[in-house]
């Protein structure tokens, strides 16, 4: 969180692109995870997101729902054509979340899979 805050402070004019949103379960009024932007859109009009779900709330579809809403909003922002997420290769739960949300696997490195949403 301190790293995210430092990015907001460094670039206050573009704070939105460095922001972390807390996900709150309305009926229980409790935090269940978070979702964030990792910077401004690139020259290729890509933005990178990150996310996490607290263990008691995993497997209930909350993150899939959150990512769908977030990527739909992002893809309607100026200078955004692609929303990117990366996952460690062994994070099967995160792979399923991204697949259910409609992402396509487009790049593989030694340690990571890279997923992309586009209009």
N, C-alpha and C. Protein backbone atom coordinates (compact mmCIF):
# COMPACT_ATOMS: atom_id res chain seq x y z
N UNK A 1 0.83 -1.19 0.00
CA UNK A 1 0.00 0.00 0.00
C UNK A 1 0.88 1.27 0.00
N UNK A 2 2.02 1.21 0.69
CA UNK A 2 2.91 2.37 0.69
C UNK A 2 3.45 2.65 -0.70
N UNK A 3 3.75 1.59 -1.45
CA UNK A 3 4.23 1.78 -2.82
C UNK A 3 3.16 2.45 -3.67
N UNK A 4 1.92 1.98 -3.58
CA UNK A 4 0.82 2.59 -4.33
C UNK A 4 0.66 4.05 -3.93
N UNK A 5 0.70 4.34 -2.63
CA UNK A 5 0.56 5.72 -2.15
C UNK A 5 1.69 6.58 -2.69
N UNK A 6 2.91 6.06 -2.73
CA UNK A 6 4.03 6.86 -3.23
C UNK A 6 3.81 7.24 -4.69
N UNK A 7 3.20 6.36 -5.47
CA UNK A 7 2.92 6.67 -6.88
C UNK A 7 1.87 7.76 -7.00
N UNK A 8 0.87 7.74 -6.13
CA UNK A 8 -0.17 8.78 -6.12
C UNK A 8 0.47 10.12 -5.78
N UNK A 9 1.32 10.14 -4.76
CA UNK A 9 1.96 11.38 -4.32
C UNK A 9 2.89 11.93 -5.40
N UNK A 10 3.60 11.04 -6.10
CA UNK A 10 4.51 11.46 -7.17
C UNK A 10 3.77 12.06 -8.37
N UNK A 11 2.55 11.62 -8.60
CA UNK A 11 1.81 12.02 -9.80
C UNK A 11 0.36 12.33 -9.44
N UNK A 12 0.18 13.33 -8.58
CA UNK A 12 -1.15 13.66 -8.07
C UNK A 12 -2.14 13.98 -9.18
N UNK A 13 -1.69 14.58 -10.25
CA UNK A 13 -2.57 14.95 -11.34
C UNK A 13 -3.21 13.72 -11.99
N UNK A 14 -2.50 12.60 -11.95
CA UNK A 14 -2.98 11.36 -12.55
C UNK A 14 -3.21 10.28 -11.50
N UNK A 15 -3.63 10.70 -10.31
CA UNK A 15 -3.78 9.78 -9.18
C UNK A 15 -4.63 8.56 -9.51
N UNK A 16 -5.64 8.75 -10.35
CA UNK A 16 -6.57 7.67 -10.67
C UNK A 16 -5.83 6.43 -11.18
N UNK A 17 -4.77 6.64 -11.97
CA UNK A 17 -4.04 5.54 -12.61
C UNK A 17 -3.09 4.83 -11.65
N UNK A 18 -3.05 5.26 -10.42
CA UNK A 18 -2.19 4.64 -9.41
C UNK A 18 -2.99 4.22 -8.17
N UNK A 19 -4.29 4.18 -8.31
CA UNK A 19 -5.18 4.01 -7.16
C UNK A 19 -5.50 2.54 -6.89
N UNK A 20 -5.64 2.24 -5.61
CA UNK A 20 -6.07 0.92 -5.14
C UNK A 20 -7.47 1.07 -4.57
N UNK A 21 -8.41 0.26 -5.06
CA UNK A 21 -9.77 0.29 -4.56
C UNK A 21 -10.00 -0.90 -3.64
N UNK A 22 -10.57 -0.63 -2.51
CA UNK A 22 -10.95 -1.67 -1.56
C UNK A 22 -12.30 -2.23 -1.98
N UNK A 23 -12.40 -3.55 -2.07
CA UNK A 23 -13.66 -4.19 -2.42
C UNK A 23 -14.41 -4.52 -1.13
N UNK A 24 -15.65 -4.06 -1.05
CA UNK A 24 -16.45 -4.22 0.16
C UNK A 24 -17.69 -5.04 -0.18
N UNK A 25 -17.96 -6.05 0.61
CA UNK A 25 -19.16 -6.86 0.48
C UNK A 25 -20.29 -6.11 1.17
N UNK A 26 -21.24 -5.61 0.38
CA UNK A 26 -22.27 -4.72 0.91
C UNK A 26 -23.09 -5.35 2.03
N UNK A 27 -23.54 -6.59 1.86
CA UNK A 27 -24.44 -7.16 2.87
C UNK A 27 -23.75 -7.44 4.20
N UNK A 28 -22.43 -7.54 4.20
CA UNK A 28 -21.69 -7.76 5.46
C UNK A 28 -20.88 -6.54 5.87
N UNK A 29 -20.81 -5.54 4.98
CA UNK A 29 -20.05 -4.32 5.24
C UNK A 29 -18.62 -4.64 5.68
N UNK A 30 -17.95 -5.49 4.88
CA UNK A 30 -16.57 -5.86 5.22
C UNK A 30 -15.72 -5.92 3.95
N UNK A 31 -14.42 -5.70 4.14
CA UNK A 31 -13.48 -5.77 3.02
C UNK A 31 -13.29 -7.23 2.61
N UNK A 32 -13.27 -7.46 1.29
CA UNK A 32 -13.06 -8.82 0.78
C UNK A 32 -11.84 -8.91 -0.13
N UNK A 33 -11.26 -7.76 -0.47
CA UNK A 33 -10.09 -7.75 -1.34
C UNK A 33 -9.85 -6.37 -1.90
N UNK A 34 -9.08 -6.32 -2.97
CA UNK A 34 -8.77 -5.04 -3.59
C UNK A 34 -8.45 -5.21 -5.05
N UNK A 35 -8.53 -4.10 -5.76
CA UNK A 35 -8.20 -4.08 -7.18
C UNK A 35 -7.51 -2.75 -7.46
N UNK A 36 -6.52 -2.77 -8.34
CA UNK A 36 -5.73 -1.55 -8.53
C UNK A 36 -5.29 -1.37 -9.96
N UNK A 37 -4.98 -0.14 -10.27
CA UNK A 37 -4.31 0.21 -11.52
C UNK A 37 -2.84 0.41 -11.20
N UNK A 38 -1.99 -0.06 -12.11
CA UNK A 38 -0.54 0.00 -11.88
C UNK A 38 0.14 1.06 -12.74
N UNK A 39 -0.60 2.10 -13.10
CA UNK A 39 0.01 3.20 -13.84
C UNK A 39 -0.84 3.66 -15.01
N UNK A 40 -0.34 4.71 -15.62
CA UNK A 40 -1.00 5.35 -16.76
C UNK A 40 -1.05 4.40 -17.96
N UNK A 41 -1.99 4.65 -18.89
CA UNK A 41 -1.98 3.87 -20.13
C UNK A 41 -0.64 4.03 -20.86
N UNK A 42 -0.15 2.93 -21.42
CA UNK A 42 1.11 2.96 -22.16
C UNK A 42 0.90 3.55 -23.56
N UNK A 43 1.98 3.69 -24.31
CA UNK A 43 1.87 4.16 -25.70
C UNK A 43 1.05 3.20 -26.54
N UNK A 44 1.03 1.92 -26.14
CA UNK A 44 0.22 0.92 -26.83
C UNK A 44 -1.22 0.89 -26.33
N UNK A 45 -1.56 1.87 -25.47
CA UNK A 45 -2.89 2.02 -24.89
C UNK A 45 -3.28 0.84 -24.01
N UNK A 46 -2.30 0.35 -23.25
CA UNK A 46 -2.51 -0.74 -22.30
C UNK A 46 -2.45 -0.19 -20.88
N UNK A 47 -3.32 -0.70 -20.03
CA UNK A 47 -3.23 -0.44 -18.59
C UNK A 47 -3.11 -1.79 -17.90
N UNK A 48 -2.39 -1.80 -16.80
CA UNK A 48 -2.15 -3.04 -16.06
C UNK A 48 -2.91 -2.97 -14.74
N UNK A 49 -3.62 -4.05 -14.44
CA UNK A 49 -4.34 -4.14 -13.17
C UNK A 49 -3.72 -5.21 -12.29
N UNK A 50 -3.97 -5.08 -11.02
CA UNK A 50 -3.63 -6.10 -10.04
C UNK A 50 -4.83 -6.27 -9.13
N UNK A 51 -4.88 -7.38 -8.42
CA UNK A 51 -6.02 -7.63 -7.55
C UNK A 51 -5.66 -8.70 -6.53
N UNK A 52 -6.45 -8.75 -5.47
CA UNK A 52 -6.29 -9.79 -4.46
C UNK A 52 -7.64 -10.02 -3.78
N UNK A 53 -7.84 -11.23 -3.34
CA UNK A 53 -9.04 -11.59 -2.59
C UNK A 53 -8.60 -12.14 -1.25
N UNK A 54 -9.22 -11.70 -0.19
CA UNK A 54 -8.91 -12.25 1.13
C UNK A 54 -9.41 -13.69 1.20
N UNK A 55 -8.64 -14.58 1.82
CA UNK A 55 -8.95 -16.02 1.79
C UNK A 55 -10.39 -16.43 2.10
N UNK A 56 -11.04 -15.86 3.12
CA UNK A 56 -12.42 -16.33 3.39
C UNK A 56 -13.41 -16.06 2.25
N UNK A 57 -13.04 -15.19 1.32
CA UNK A 57 -13.97 -14.79 0.26
C UNK A 57 -13.58 -15.34 -1.12
N UNK A 58 -12.55 -16.16 -1.15
CA UNK A 58 -12.13 -16.78 -2.42
C UNK A 58 -13.16 -17.82 -2.85
N UNK A 59 -13.31 -17.96 -4.15
CA UNK A 59 -14.18 -19.00 -4.69
C UNK A 59 -15.65 -18.68 -4.71
N UNK A 60 -16.02 -17.41 -4.49
CA UNK A 60 -17.42 -17.02 -4.47
C UNK A 60 -17.81 -16.14 -5.66
N UNK A 61 -16.86 -15.88 -6.56
CA UNK A 61 -17.15 -15.09 -7.75
C UNK A 61 -17.01 -13.59 -7.56
N UNK A 62 -16.63 -13.15 -6.37
CA UNK A 62 -16.54 -11.71 -6.12
C UNK A 62 -15.48 -11.05 -7.00
N UNK A 63 -14.31 -11.68 -7.13
CA UNK A 63 -13.25 -11.07 -7.92
C UNK A 63 -13.60 -11.08 -9.41
N UNK A 64 -14.20 -12.14 -9.88
CA UNK A 64 -14.62 -12.18 -11.29
C UNK A 64 -15.57 -11.01 -11.57
N UNK A 65 -16.55 -10.83 -10.72
CA UNK A 65 -17.51 -9.73 -10.87
C UNK A 65 -16.80 -8.38 -10.84
N UNK A 66 -15.86 -8.22 -9.93
CA UNK A 66 -15.13 -6.95 -9.79
C UNK A 66 -14.27 -6.67 -11.01
N UNK A 67 -13.58 -7.68 -11.51
CA UNK A 67 -12.72 -7.49 -12.68
C UNK A 67 -13.56 -7.15 -13.91
N UNK A 68 -14.68 -7.81 -14.08
CA UNK A 68 -15.55 -7.50 -15.22
C UNK A 68 -15.99 -6.04 -15.18
N UNK A 69 -16.44 -5.58 -14.04
CA UNK A 69 -16.88 -4.19 -13.91
C UNK A 69 -15.73 -3.22 -14.14
N UNK A 70 -14.58 -3.53 -13.57
CA UNK A 70 -13.40 -2.66 -13.68
C UNK A 70 -12.91 -2.58 -15.12
N UNK A 71 -12.76 -3.71 -15.78
CA UNK A 71 -12.26 -3.71 -17.16
C UNK A 71 -13.27 -3.06 -18.10
N UNK A 72 -14.57 -3.23 -17.86
CA UNK A 72 -15.57 -2.56 -18.69
C UNK A 72 -15.46 -1.05 -18.57
N UNK A 73 -15.25 -0.56 -17.37
CA UNK A 73 -15.07 0.87 -17.15
C UNK A 73 -13.78 1.35 -17.81
N UNK A 74 -12.70 0.60 -17.59
CA UNK A 74 -11.40 1.00 -18.15
C UNK A 74 -11.42 1.07 -19.67
N UNK A 75 -12.05 0.10 -20.30
CA UNK A 75 -12.06 0.05 -21.76
C UNK A 75 -12.89 1.17 -22.40
N UNK A 76 -13.56 1.95 -21.58
CA UNK A 76 -14.29 3.12 -22.07
C UNK A 76 -13.60 4.42 -21.68
N UNK A 77 -12.37 4.33 -21.19
CA UNK A 77 -11.59 5.53 -20.87
C UNK A 77 -10.74 5.92 -22.07
N UNK A 78 -10.45 7.21 -22.22
CA UNK A 78 -9.58 7.63 -23.32
C UNK A 78 -8.21 6.95 -23.22
N UNK A 79 -7.64 6.62 -24.35
CA UNK A 79 -6.29 6.04 -24.43
C UNK A 79 -6.16 4.66 -23.83
N UNK A 80 -7.28 3.92 -23.69
CA UNK A 80 -7.22 2.54 -23.20
C UNK A 80 -7.88 1.62 -24.22
N UNK A 81 -7.07 0.73 -24.79
CA UNK A 81 -7.59 -0.29 -25.70
C UNK A 81 -7.48 -1.69 -25.10
N UNK A 82 -6.54 -1.84 -24.16
CA UNK A 82 -6.28 -3.15 -23.57
C UNK A 82 -6.13 -3.03 -22.05
N UNK A 83 -6.65 -4.02 -21.36
CA UNK A 83 -6.44 -4.15 -19.91
C UNK A 83 -5.64 -5.44 -19.73
N UNK A 84 -4.52 -5.32 -19.04
CA UNK A 84 -3.57 -6.42 -18.87
C UNK A 84 -3.54 -6.85 -17.40
N UNK A 85 -3.44 -8.17 -17.20
CA UNK A 85 -3.20 -8.73 -15.86
C UNK A 85 -2.16 -9.83 -16.01
N UNK A 86 -1.29 -9.96 -15.03
CA UNK A 86 -0.33 -11.06 -15.06
C UNK A 86 -0.58 -11.96 -13.86
N UNK A 87 -0.29 -13.25 -14.05
CA UNK A 87 -0.44 -14.22 -12.97
C UNK A 87 0.79 -15.12 -12.93
N UNK A 88 1.12 -15.56 -11.74
CA UNK A 88 2.16 -16.58 -11.64
C UNK A 88 1.62 -17.85 -12.27
N UNK A 89 2.50 -18.63 -12.86
CA UNK A 89 2.05 -19.81 -13.61
C UNK A 89 1.29 -20.81 -12.75
N UNK A 90 1.60 -20.89 -11.46
CA UNK A 90 0.94 -21.88 -10.60
C UNK A 90 -0.30 -21.35 -9.91
N UNK A 91 -0.73 -20.14 -10.20
CA UNK A 91 -1.90 -19.54 -9.55
C UNK A 91 -3.17 -19.89 -10.35
N UNK A 92 -3.58 -21.14 -10.23
CA UNK A 92 -4.72 -21.63 -11.00
C UNK A 92 -6.02 -20.87 -10.70
N UNK A 93 -6.22 -20.49 -9.46
CA UNK A 93 -7.44 -19.76 -9.11
C UNK A 93 -7.51 -18.43 -9.86
N UNK A 94 -6.39 -17.74 -9.94
CA UNK A 94 -6.37 -16.47 -10.66
C UNK A 94 -6.56 -16.68 -12.16
N UNK A 95 -6.02 -17.76 -12.69
CA UNK A 95 -6.25 -18.08 -14.11
C UNK A 95 -7.74 -18.25 -14.37
N UNK A 96 -8.42 -18.98 -13.50
CA UNK A 96 -9.86 -19.21 -13.67
C UNK A 96 -10.65 -17.91 -13.59
N UNK A 97 -10.27 -17.05 -12.65
CA UNK A 97 -10.95 -15.76 -12.52
C UNK A 97 -10.85 -14.97 -13.82
N UNK A 98 -9.65 -14.88 -14.37
CA UNK A 98 -9.45 -14.11 -15.59
C UNK A 98 -10.17 -14.74 -16.78
N UNK A 99 -10.13 -16.06 -16.86
CA UNK A 99 -10.85 -16.74 -17.94
C UNK A 99 -12.34 -16.46 -17.85
N UNK A 100 -12.91 -16.58 -16.65
CA UNK A 100 -14.34 -16.33 -16.46
C UNK A 100 -14.70 -14.88 -16.76
N UNK A 101 -13.77 -13.97 -16.51
CA UNK A 101 -14.01 -12.55 -16.76
C UNK A 101 -13.85 -12.21 -18.25
N UNK A 102 -13.35 -13.16 -19.05
CA UNK A 102 -13.25 -12.93 -20.49
C UNK A 102 -11.87 -12.56 -21.00
N UNK A 103 -10.83 -12.72 -20.20
CA UNK A 103 -9.47 -12.41 -20.64
C UNK A 103 -8.93 -13.52 -21.53
N UNK A 104 -8.01 -13.14 -22.38
CA UNK A 104 -7.32 -14.09 -23.24
C UNK A 104 -5.85 -14.14 -22.87
N UNK A 105 -5.31 -15.33 -22.76
CA UNK A 105 -3.88 -15.51 -22.53
C UNK A 105 -3.16 -15.10 -23.81
N UNK A 106 -2.18 -14.17 -23.70
CA UNK A 106 -1.51 -13.71 -24.91
C UNK A 106 0.01 -13.76 -24.85
N UNK A 107 0.56 -14.02 -23.66
CA UNK A 107 2.02 -14.03 -23.54
C UNK A 107 2.41 -14.91 -22.36
N UNK A 108 3.51 -15.65 -22.52
CA UNK A 108 4.01 -16.52 -21.46
C UNK A 108 5.50 -16.26 -21.29
N UNK A 109 5.92 -16.08 -20.05
CA UNK A 109 7.35 -15.98 -19.74
C UNK A 109 7.72 -17.14 -18.82
N UNK A 110 8.94 -17.14 -18.37
CA UNK A 110 9.41 -18.22 -17.50
C UNK A 110 8.54 -18.35 -16.24
N UNK A 111 8.13 -17.23 -15.68
CA UNK A 111 7.41 -17.25 -14.41
C UNK A 111 5.94 -16.83 -14.49
N UNK A 112 5.55 -16.13 -15.56
CA UNK A 112 4.23 -15.52 -15.59
C UNK A 112 3.45 -15.82 -16.86
N UNK A 113 2.12 -15.76 -16.70
CA UNK A 113 1.19 -15.70 -17.81
C UNK A 113 0.68 -14.27 -17.87
N UNK A 114 0.49 -13.76 -19.07
CA UNK A 114 -0.07 -12.44 -19.25
C UNK A 114 -1.40 -12.57 -19.98
N UNK A 115 -2.40 -11.90 -19.43
CA UNK A 115 -3.78 -11.98 -19.90
C UNK A 115 -4.20 -10.60 -20.40
N UNK A 116 -5.11 -10.58 -21.37
CA UNK A 116 -5.52 -9.30 -21.94
C UNK A 116 -7.02 -9.28 -22.20
N UNK A 117 -7.60 -8.14 -21.89
CA UNK A 117 -8.98 -7.82 -22.26
C UNK A 117 -8.92 -6.72 -23.30
N UNK A 118 -9.84 -6.74 -24.25
CA UNK A 118 -9.96 -5.64 -25.19
C UNK A 118 -11.43 -5.52 -25.61
N UNK A 119 -11.76 -4.35 -26.16
CA UNK A 119 -13.13 -4.14 -26.62
C UNK A 119 -13.49 -5.10 -27.73
